[in-house]
Amino acid sequence: AEKGDSVANWILDRVVADVEASLGALDLADDAPLCLLGGLAPLYAPRLSDRYQALLKPPLDDALGGAVQMAVRLFAGHAEATR
């Protein structure tokens, strides 16, 4: 893609459109941090729309660590609500 391969660029554009559709379904707050992980993240990040590029932050952990942190926050809030 970086060398101007039109098929590779088309594929990346389609994938980024799918990523953005998924992010749109999450209804992220305007100040929500967004981290891309994995080997393709450096190819996706510059192709994201301005809205999502503004949210990009470097990851603080790997995907599993992030999932655990999200679960802790979710269930901690749920536990407080059921008391």
PDB file of N, CA and C in Angstrom:
ATOM      1  N   ALA A   1       0.829  -1.197   0.000  1.00  0.00           N
ATOM      2  CA  ALA A   1       0.000   0.000   0.000  1.00  0.00           C
ATOM      3  C   ALA A   1       0.870   1.256   0.000  1.00  0.00           C
ATOM      4  N   GLU A   2       1.922   1.237   0.815  1.00  0.00           N
ATOM      5  CA  GLU A   2       2.794   2.411   0.905  1.00  0.00           C
ATOM      6  C   GLU A   2       3.533   2.686  -0.399  1.00  0.00           C
ATOM      7  N   LYS A   3       3.642   1.667  -1.248  1.00  0.00           N
ATOM      8  CA  LYS A   3       4.328   1.830  -2.531  1.00  0.00           C
ATOM      9  C   LYS A   3       3.356   2.151  -3.657  1.00  0.00           C
ATOM     10  N   GLY A   4       2.108   2.441  -3.306  1.00  0.00           N
ATOM     11  CA  GLY A   4       1.128   2.849  -4.298  1.00  0.00           C
ATOM     12  C   GLY A   4       0.336   1.725  -4.932  1.00  0.00           C
ATOM     13  N   ASP A   5       0.348   0.552  -4.349  1.00  0.00           N
ATOM     14  CA  ASP A   5      -0.422  -0.575  -4.880  1.00  0.00           C
ATOM     15  C   ASP A   5      -1.911  -0.273  -4.717  1.00  0.00           C
ATOM     16  N   SER A   6      -2.609  -0.125  -5.827  1.00  0.00           N
ATOM     17  CA  SER A   6      -4.015   0.290  -5.777  1.00  0.00           C
ATOM     18  C   SER A   6      -4.904  -0.758  -5.119  1.00  0.00           C
ATOM     19  N   VAL A   7      -4.617  -2.033  -5.325  1.00  0.00           N
ATOM     20  CA  VAL A   7      -5.424  -3.084  -4.698  1.00  0.00           C
ATOM     21  C   VAL A   7      -5.203  -3.073  -3.184  1.00  0.00           C
ATOM     22  N   ALA A   8      -3.959  -2.952  -2.761  1.00  0.00           N
ATOM     23  CA  ALA A   8      -3.667  -2.899  -1.324  1.00  0.00           C
ATOM     24  C   ALA A   8      -4.335  -1.688  -0.681  1.00  0.00           C
ATOM     25  N   ASN A   9      -4.297  -0.552  -1.350  1.00  0.00           N
ATOM     26  CA  ASN A   9      -4.952   0.647  -0.819  1.00  0.00           C
ATOM     27  C   ASN A   9      -6.461   0.469  -0.756  1.00  0.00           C
ATOM     28  N   TRP A  10      -7.038  -0.179  -1.751  1.00  0.00           N
ATOM     29  CA  TRP A  10      -8.479  -0.440  -1.745  1.00  0.00           C
ATOM     30  C   TRP A  10      -8.840  -1.329  -0.554  1.00  0.00           C
ATOM     31  N   ILE A  11      -8.035  -2.376  -0.337  1.00  0.00           N
ATOM     32  CA  ILE A  11      -8.294  -3.286   0.786  1.00  0.00           C
ATOM     33  C   ILE A  11      -8.208  -2.531   2.111  1.00  0.00           C
ATOM     34  N   LEU A  12      -7.166  -1.739   2.283  1.00  0.00           N
ATOM     35  CA  LEU A  12      -7.020  -0.975   3.528  1.00  0.00           C
ATOM     36  C   LEU A  12      -8.167   0.008   3.720  1.00  0.00           C
ATOM     37  N   ASP A  13      -8.581   0.668   2.658  1.00  0.00           N
ATOM     38  CA  ASP A  13      -9.706   1.602   2.768  1.00  0.00           C
ATOM     39  C   ASP A  13     -10.975   0.883   3.203  1.00  0.00           C
ATOM     40  N   ARG A  14     -11.212  -0.314   2.666  1.00  0.00           N
ATOM     41  CA  ARG A  14     -12.401  -1.093   3.053  1.00  0.00           C
ATOM     42  C   ARG A  14     -12.315  -1.532   4.518  1.00  0.00           C
ATOM     43  N   VAL A  15     -11.139  -1.986   4.922  1.00  0.00           N
ATOM     44  CA  VAL A  15     -10.963  -2.436   6.305  1.00  0.00           C
ATOM     45  C   VAL A  15     -11.155  -1.273   7.273  1.00  0.00           C
ATOM     46  N   VAL A  16     -10.575  -0.133   6.961  1.00  0.00           N
ATOM     47  CA  VAL A  16     -10.709   1.032   7.840  1.00  0.00           C
ATOM     48  C   VAL A  16     -12.171   1.475   7.903  1.00  0.00           C
ATOM     49  N   ALA A  17     -12.895   1.370   6.801  1.00  0.00           N
ATOM     50  CA  ALA A  17     -14.329   1.691   6.824  1.00  0.00           C
ATOM     51  C   ALA A  17     -15.062   0.747   7.776  1.00  0.00           C
ATOM     52  N   ASP A  18     -14.699  -0.532   7.766  1.00  0.00           N
ATOM     53  CA  ASP A  18     -15.311  -1.491   8.691  1.00  0.00           C
ATOM     54  C   ASP A  18     -14.936  -1.181  10.140  1.00  0.00           C
ATOM     55  N   VAL A  19     -13.675  -0.827  10.373  1.00  0.00           N
ATOM     56  CA  VAL A  19     -13.232  -0.459  11.723  1.00  0.00           C
ATOM     57  C   VAL A  19     -14.027   0.753  12.208  1.00  0.00           C
ATOM     58  N   GLU A  20     -14.175   1.752  11.343  1.00  0.00           N
ATOM     59  CA  GLU A  20     -14.914   2.952  11.745  1.00  0.00           C
ATOM     60  C   GLU A  20     -16.391   2.649  11.981  1.00  0.00           C
ATOM     61  N   ALA A  21     -16.964   1.740  11.209  1.00  0.00           N
ATOM     62  CA  ALA A  21     -18.361   1.356  11.445  1.00  0.00           C
ATOM     63  C   ALA A  21     -18.500   0.705  12.819  1.00  0.00           C
ATOM     64  N   SER A  22     -17.543  -0.131  13.175  1.00  0.00           N
ATOM     65  CA  SER A  22     -17.565  -0.767  14.496  1.00  0.00           C
ATOM     66  C   SER A  22     -17.386   0.263  15.603  1.00  0.00           C
ATOM     67  N   LEU A  23     -16.469   1.197  15.405  1.00  0.00           N
ATOM     68  CA  LEU A  23     -16.268   2.253  16.399  1.00  0.00           C
ATOM     69  C   LEU A  23     -17.519   3.113  16.530  1.00  0.00           C
ATOM     70  N   GLY A  24     -18.191   3.374  15.430  1.00  0.00           N
ATOM     71  CA  GLY A  24     -19.421   4.156  15.465  1.00  0.00           C
ATOM     72  C   GLY A  24     -20.498   3.478  16.291  1.00  0.00           C
ATOM     73  N   ALA A  25     -20.551   2.149  16.232  1.00  0.00           N
ATOM     74  CA  ALA A  25     -21.536   1.402  17.016  1.00  0.00           C
ATOM     75  C   ALA A  25     -21.258   1.509  18.509  1.00  0.00           C
ATOM     76  N   LEU A  26     -20.007   1.776  18.872  1.00  0.00           N
ATOM     77  CA  LEU A  26     -19.654   1.917  20.287  1.00  0.00           C
ATOM     78  C   LEU A  26     -20.093   3.248  20.870  1.00  0.00           C
ATOM     79  N   ASP A  27     -20.401   4.209  20.011  1.00  0.00           N
ATOM     80  CA  ASP A  27     -20.840   5.533  20.455  1.00  0.00           C
ATOM     81  C   ASP A  27     -19.857   6.123  21.472  1.00  0.00           C
ATOM     82  N   LEU A  28     -18.592   6.204  21.059  1.00  0.00           N
ATOM     83  CA  LEU A  28     -17.535   6.705  21.936  1.00  0.00           C
ATOM     84  C   LEU A  28     -17.737   8.177  22.271  1.00  0.00           C
ATOM     85  N   ALA A  29     -17.399   8.530  23.487  1.00  0.00           N
ATOM     86  CA  ALA A  29     -17.418   9.941  23.884  1.00  0.00           C
ATOM     87  C   ALA A  29     -16.333  10.683  23.114  1.00  0.00           C
ATOM     88  N   ASP A  30     -16.497  11.984  22.983  1.00  0.00           N
ATOM     89  CA  ASP A  30     -15.541  12.786  22.221  1.00  0.00           C
ATOM     90  C   ASP A  30     -14.149  12.803  22.834  1.00  0.00           C
ATOM     91  N   ASP A  31     -14.034  12.426  24.101  1.00  0.00           N
ATOM     92  CA  ASP A  31     -12.723  12.409  24.749  1.00  0.00           C
ATOM     93  C   ASP A  31     -12.278  10.994  25.134  1.00  0.00           C
ATOM     94  N   ALA A  32     -12.945   9.988  24.583  1.00  0.00           N
ATOM     95  CA  ALA A  32     -12.597   8.601  24.904  1.00  0.00           C
ATOM     96  C   ALA A  32     -11.258   8.230  24.273  1.00  0.00           C
ATOM     97  N   PRO A  33     -10.373   7.587  25.026  1.00  0.00           N
ATOM     98  CA  PRO A  33      -9.113   7.161  24.418  1.00  0.00           C
ATOM     99  C   PRO A  33      -9.346   5.965  23.501  1.00  0.00           C
ATOM    100  N   LEU A  34      -8.658   5.966  22.386  1.00  0.00           N
ATOM    101  CA  LEU A  34      -8.761   4.884  21.412  1.00  0.00           C
ATOM    102  C   LEU A  34      -7.361   4.361  21.141  1.00  0.00           C
ATOM    103  N   CYS A  35      -7.181   3.067  21.314  1.00  0.00           N
ATOM    104  CA  CYS A  35      -5.881   2.436  21.067  1.00  0.00           C
ATOM    105  C   CYS A  35      -6.058   1.368  20.002  1.00  0.00           C
ATOM    106  N   LEU A  36      -5.189   1.380  19.028  1.00  0.00           N
ATOM    107  CA  LEU A  36      -5.164   0.326  18.026  1.00  0.00           C
ATOM    108  C   LEU A  36      -4.010  -0.605  18.356  1.00  0.00           C
ATOM    109  N   LEU A  37      -4.279  -1.902  18.345  1.00  0.00           N
ATOM    110  CA  LEU A  37      -3.259  -2.893  18.663  1.00  0.00           C
ATOM    111  C   LEU A  37      -3.057  -3.816  17.474  1.00  0.00           C
ATOM    112  N   GLY A  38      -1.910  -4.430  17.412  1.00  0.00           N
ATOM    113  CA  GLY A  38      -1.632  -5.418  16.381  1.00  0.00           C
ATOM    114  C   GLY A  38      -0.734  -4.884  15.289  1.00  0.00           C
ATOM    115  N   GLY A  39      -0.279  -5.793  14.475  1.00  0.00           N
ATOM    116  CA  GLY A  39       0.678  -5.458  13.440  1.00  0.00           C
ATOM    117  C   GLY A  39       0.161  -4.537  12.357  1.00  0.00           C
ATOM    118  N   LEU A  40      -1.149  -4.500  12.148  1.00  0.00           N
ATOM    119  CA  LEU A  40      -1.716  -3.646  11.108  1.00  0.00           C
ATOM    120  C   LEU A  40      -2.113  -2.267  11.619  1.00  0.00           C
ATOM    121  N   ALA A  41      -2.057  -2.065  12.922  1.00  0.00           N
ATOM    122  CA  ALA A  41      -2.444  -0.773  13.500  1.00  0.00           C
ATOM    123  C   ALA A  41      -1.725   0.407  12.858  1.00  0.00           C
ATOM    124  N   PRO A  42      -0.422   0.317  12.592  1.00  0.00           N
ATOM    125  CA  PRO A  42       0.251   1.463  11.964  1.00  0.00           C
ATOM    126  C   PRO A  42      -0.247   1.770  10.545  1.00  0.00           C
ATOM    127  N   LEU A  43      -0.831   0.774   9.890  1.00  0.00           N
ATOM    128  CA  LEU A  43      -1.399   1.016   8.561  1.00  0.00           C
ATOM    129  C   LEU A  43      -2.794   1.619   8.652  1.00  0.00           C
ATOM    130  N   TYR A  44      -3.536   1.254   9.694  1.00  0.00           N
ATOM    131  CA  TYR A  44      -4.908   1.744   9.844  1.00  0.00           C
ATOM    132  C   TYR A  44      -4.955   3.169  10.383  1.00  0.00           C
ATOM    133  N   ALA A  45      -4.129   3.466  11.375  1.00  0.00           N
ATOM    134  CA  ALA A  45      -4.219   4.736  12.102  1.00  0.00           C
ATOM    135  C   ALA A  45      -4.239   5.966  11.197  1.00  0.00           C
ATOM    136  N   PRO A  46      -3.327   6.111  10.249  1.00  0.00           N
ATOM    137  CA  PRO A  46      -3.346   7.333   9.437  1.00  0.00           C
ATOM    138  C   PRO A  46      -4.525   7.407   8.471  1.00  0.00           C
ATOM    139  N   ARG A  47      -5.230   6.302   8.294  1.00  0.00           N
ATOM    140  CA  ARG A  47      -6.375   6.281   7.381  1.00  0.00           C
ATOM    141  C   ARG A  47      -7.698   6.542   8.098  1.00  0.00           C
ATOM    142  N   LEU A  48      -7.667   6.569   9.418  1.00  0.00           N
ATOM    143  CA  LEU A  48      -8.888   6.856  10.171  1.00  0.00           C
ATOM    144  C   LEU A  48      -9.325   8.296   9.926  1.00  0.00           C
ATOM    145  N   SER A  49     -10.613   8.534  10.081  1.00  0.00           N
ATOM    146  CA  SER A  49     -11.128   9.896   9.948  1.00  0.00           C
ATOM    147  C   SER A  49     -10.568  10.767  11.070  1.00  0.00           C
ATOM    148  N   ASP A  50     -10.666  12.065  10.885  1.00  0.00           N
ATOM    149  CA  ASP A  50     -10.148  13.012  11.882  1.00  0.00           C
ATOM    150  C   ASP A  50     -10.747  12.763  13.262  1.00  0.00           C
ATOM    151  N   ARG A  51     -12.034  12.410  13.309  1.00  0.00           N
ATOM    152  CA  ARG A  51     -12.698  12.175  14.598  1.00  0.00           C
ATOM    153  C   ARG A  51     -11.971  11.104  15.394  1.00  0.00           C
ATOM    154  N   TYR A  52     -11.629   9.992  14.750  1.00  0.00           N
ATOM    155  CA  TYR A  52     -10.984   8.892  15.458  1.00  0.00           C
ATOM    156  C   TYR A  52      -9.487   9.120  15.625  1.00  0.00           C
ATOM    157  N   GLN A  53      -8.857   9.796  14.696  1.00  0.00           N
ATOM    158  CA  GLN A  53      -7.435  10.102  14.873  1.00  0.00           C
ATOM    159  C   GLN A  53      -7.225  10.981  16.103  1.00  0.00           C
ATOM    160  N   ALA A  54      -8.176  11.866  16.370  1.00  0.00           N
ATOM    161  CA  ALA A  54      -8.070  12.746  17.543  1.00  0.00           C
ATOM    162  C   ALA A  54      -8.148  11.955  18.851  1.00  0.00           C
ATOM    163  N   LEU A  55      -8.755  10.778  18.818  1.00  0.00           N
ATOM    164  CA  LEU A  55      -8.902   9.956  20.021  1.00  0.00           C
ATOM    165  C   LEU A  55      -7.732   9.003  20.242  1.00  0.00           C
ATOM    166  N   LEU A  56      -6.889   8.816  19.232  1.00  0.00           N
ATOM    167  CA  LEU A  56      -5.814   7.828  19.317  1.00  0.00           C
ATOM    168  C   LEU A  56      -4.831   8.141  20.439  1.00  0.00           C
ATOM    169  N   LYS A  57      -4.541   7.130  21.208  1.00  0.00           N
ATOM    170  CA  LYS A  57      -3.559   7.200  22.293  1.00  0.00           C
ATOM    171  C   LYS A  57      -2.688   5.952  22.207  1.00  0.00           C
ATOM    172  N   PRO A  58      -1.444   6.031  22.677  1.00  0.00           N
ATOM    173  CA  PRO A  58      -0.627   4.813  22.718  1.00  0.00           C
ATOM    174  C   PRO A  58      -1.189   3.846  23.755  1.00  0.00           C
ATOM    175  N   PRO A  59      -1.176   2.552  23.468  1.00  0.00           N
ATOM    176  CA  PRO A  59      -1.718   1.586  24.429  1.00  0.00           C
ATOM    177  C   PRO A  59      -0.890   1.540  25.706  1.00  0.00           C
ATOM    178  N   LEU A  60      -1.572   1.353  26.831  1.00  0.00           N
ATOM    179  CA  LEU A  60      -0.909   1.224  28.128  1.00  0.00           C
ATOM    180  C   LEU A  60      -0.628  -0.237  28.467  1.00  0.00           C
ATOM    181  N   ASP A  61      -1.261  -1.144  27.718  1.00  0.00           N
ATOM    182  CA  ASP A  61      -1.144  -2.574  27.988  1.00  0.00           C
ATOM    183  C   ASP A  61      -1.461  -3.313  26.695  1.00  0.00           C
ATOM    184  N   ASP A  62      -1.424  -4.630  26.729  1.00  0.00           N
ATOM    185  CA  ASP A  62      -1.820  -5.405  25.562  1.00  0.00           C
ATOM    186  C   ASP A  62      -3.342  -5.593  25.574  1.00  0.00           C
ATOM    187  N   ALA A  63      -3.865  -6.304  24.585  1.00  0.00           N
ATOM    188  CA  ALA A  63      -5.316  -6.455  24.451  1.00  0.00           C
ATOM    189  C   ALA A  63      -5.937  -7.143  25.671  1.00  0.00           C
ATOM    190  N   LEU A  64      -5.294  -8.169  26.178  1.00  0.00           N
ATOM    191  CA  LEU A  64      -5.833  -8.875  27.345  1.00  0.00           C
ATOM    192  C   LEU A  64      -5.873  -7.965  28.564  1.00  0.00           C
ATOM    193  N   GLY A  65      -4.800  -7.223  28.789  1.00  0.00           N
ATOM    194  CA  GLY A  65      -4.772  -6.293  29.917  1.00  0.00           C
ATOM    195  C   GLY A  65      -5.863  -5.249  29.808  1.00  0.00           C
ATOM    196  N   GLY A  66      -6.092  -4.739  28.608  1.00  0.00           N
ATOM    197  CA  GLY A  66      -7.158  -3.763  28.396  1.00  0.00           C
ATOM    198  C   GLY A  66      -8.532  -4.355  28.652  1.00  0.00           C
ATOM    199  N   ALA A  67      -8.742  -5.592  28.206  1.00  0.00           N
ATOM    200  CA  ALA A  67     -10.029  -6.256  28.424  1.00  0.00           C
ATOM    201  C   ALA A  67     -10.287  -6.464  29.912  1.00  0.00           C
ATOM    202  N   VAL A  68      -9.255  -6.838  30.642  1.00  0.00           N
ATOM    203  CA  VAL A  68      -9.403  -7.031  32.089  1.00  0.00           C
ATOM    204  C   VAL A  68      -9.745  -5.706  32.760  1.00  0.00           C
ATOM    205  N   GLN A  69      -9.065  -4.633  32.375  1.00  0.00           N
ATOM    206  CA  GLN A  69      -9.353  -3.321  32.958  1.00  0.00           C
ATOM    207  C   GLN A  69     -10.788  -2.892  32.664  1.00  0.00           C
ATOM    208  N   MET A  70     -11.248  -3.137  31.432  1.00  0.00           N
ATOM    209  CA  MET A  70     -12.626  -2.778  31.083  1.00  0.00           C
ATOM    210  C   MET A  70     -13.616  -3.595  31.906  1.00  0.00           C
ATOM    211  N   ALA A  71     -13.352  -4.890  32.080  1.00  0.00           N
ATOM    212  CA  ALA A  71     -14.248  -5.746  32.857  1.00  0.00           C
ATOM    213  C   ALA A  71     -14.298  -5.304  34.312  1.00  0.00           C
ATOM    214  N   VAL A  72     -13.159  -4.958  34.870  1.00  0.00           N
ATOM    215  CA  VAL A  72     -13.120  -4.497  36.264  1.00  0.00           C
ATOM    216  C   VAL A  72     -13.974  -3.246  36.421  1.00  0.00           C
ATOM    217  N   ARG A  73     -13.819  -2.295  35.496  1.00  0.00           N
ATOM    218  CA  ARG A  73     -14.625  -1.061  35.577  1.00  0.00           C
ATOM    219  C   ARG A  73     -16.109  -1.373  35.427  1.00  0.00           C
ATOM    220  N   LEU A  74     -16.443  -2.231  34.473  1.00  0.00           N
ATOM    221  CA  LEU A  74     -17.844  -2.560  34.223  1.00  0.00           C
ATOM    222  C   LEU A  74     -18.471  -3.245  35.430  1.00  0.00           C
ATOM    223  N   PHE A  75     -17.805  -4.263  35.944  1.00  0.00           N
ATOM    224  CA  PHE A  75     -18.385  -5.019  37.038  1.00  0.00           C
ATOM    225  C   PHE A  75     -18.300  -4.289  38.365  1.00  0.00           C
ATOM    226  N   ALA A  76     -17.328  -3.418  38.542  1.00  0.00           N
ATOM    227  CA  ALA A  76     -17.265  -2.608  39.760  1.00  0.00           C
ATOM    228  C   ALA A  76     -18.471  -1.681  39.811  1.00  0.00           C
ATOM    229  N   GLY A  77     -18.813  -1.075  38.692  1.00  0.00           N
ATOM    230  CA  GLY A  77     -19.992  -0.211  38.629  1.00  0.00           C
ATOM    231  C   GLY A  77     -21.271  -0.997  38.830  1.00  0.00           C
ATOM    232  N   HIS A  78     -21.324  -2.199  38.280  1.00  0.00           N
ATOM    233  CA  HIS A  78     -22.506  -3.048  38.424  1.00  0.00           C
ATOM    234  C   HIS A  78     -22.674  -3.498  39.875  1.00  0.00           C
ATOM    235  N   ALA A  79     -21.576  -3.824  40.527  1.00  0.00           N
ATOM    236  CA  ALA A  79     -21.640  -4.264  41.923  1.00  0.00           C
ATOM    237  C   ALA A  79     -22.141  -3.140  42.818  1.00  0.00           C
ATOM    238  N   GLU A  80     -21.711  -1.908  42.548  1.00  0.00           N
ATOM    239  CA  GLU A  80     -22.170  -0.763  43.340  1.00  0.00           C
ATOM    240  C   GLU A  80     -23.663  -0.532  43.136  1.00  0.00           C
ATOM    241  N   ALA A  81     -24.139  -0.728  41.919  1.00  0.00           N
ATOM    242  CA  ALA A  81     -25.546  -0.465  41.605  1.00  0.00           C
ATOM    243  C   ALA A  81     -26.473  -1.493  42.237  1.00  0.00           C
ATOM    244  N   THR A  82     -25.984  -2.703  42.500  1.00  0.00           N
ATOM    245  CA  THR A  82     -26.848  -3.749  43.047  1.00  0.00           C
ATOM    246  C   THR A  82     -26.851  -3.782  44.565  1.00  0.00           C
ATOM    247  N   ARG A  83     -26.113  -2.902  45.193  1.00  0.00           N
ATOM    248  CA  ARG A  83     -26.095  -2.881  46.666  1.00  0.00           C
ATOM    249  C   ARG A  83     -27.294  -2.187  47.204  1.00  0.00           C
TER     250      ARG A  83
END
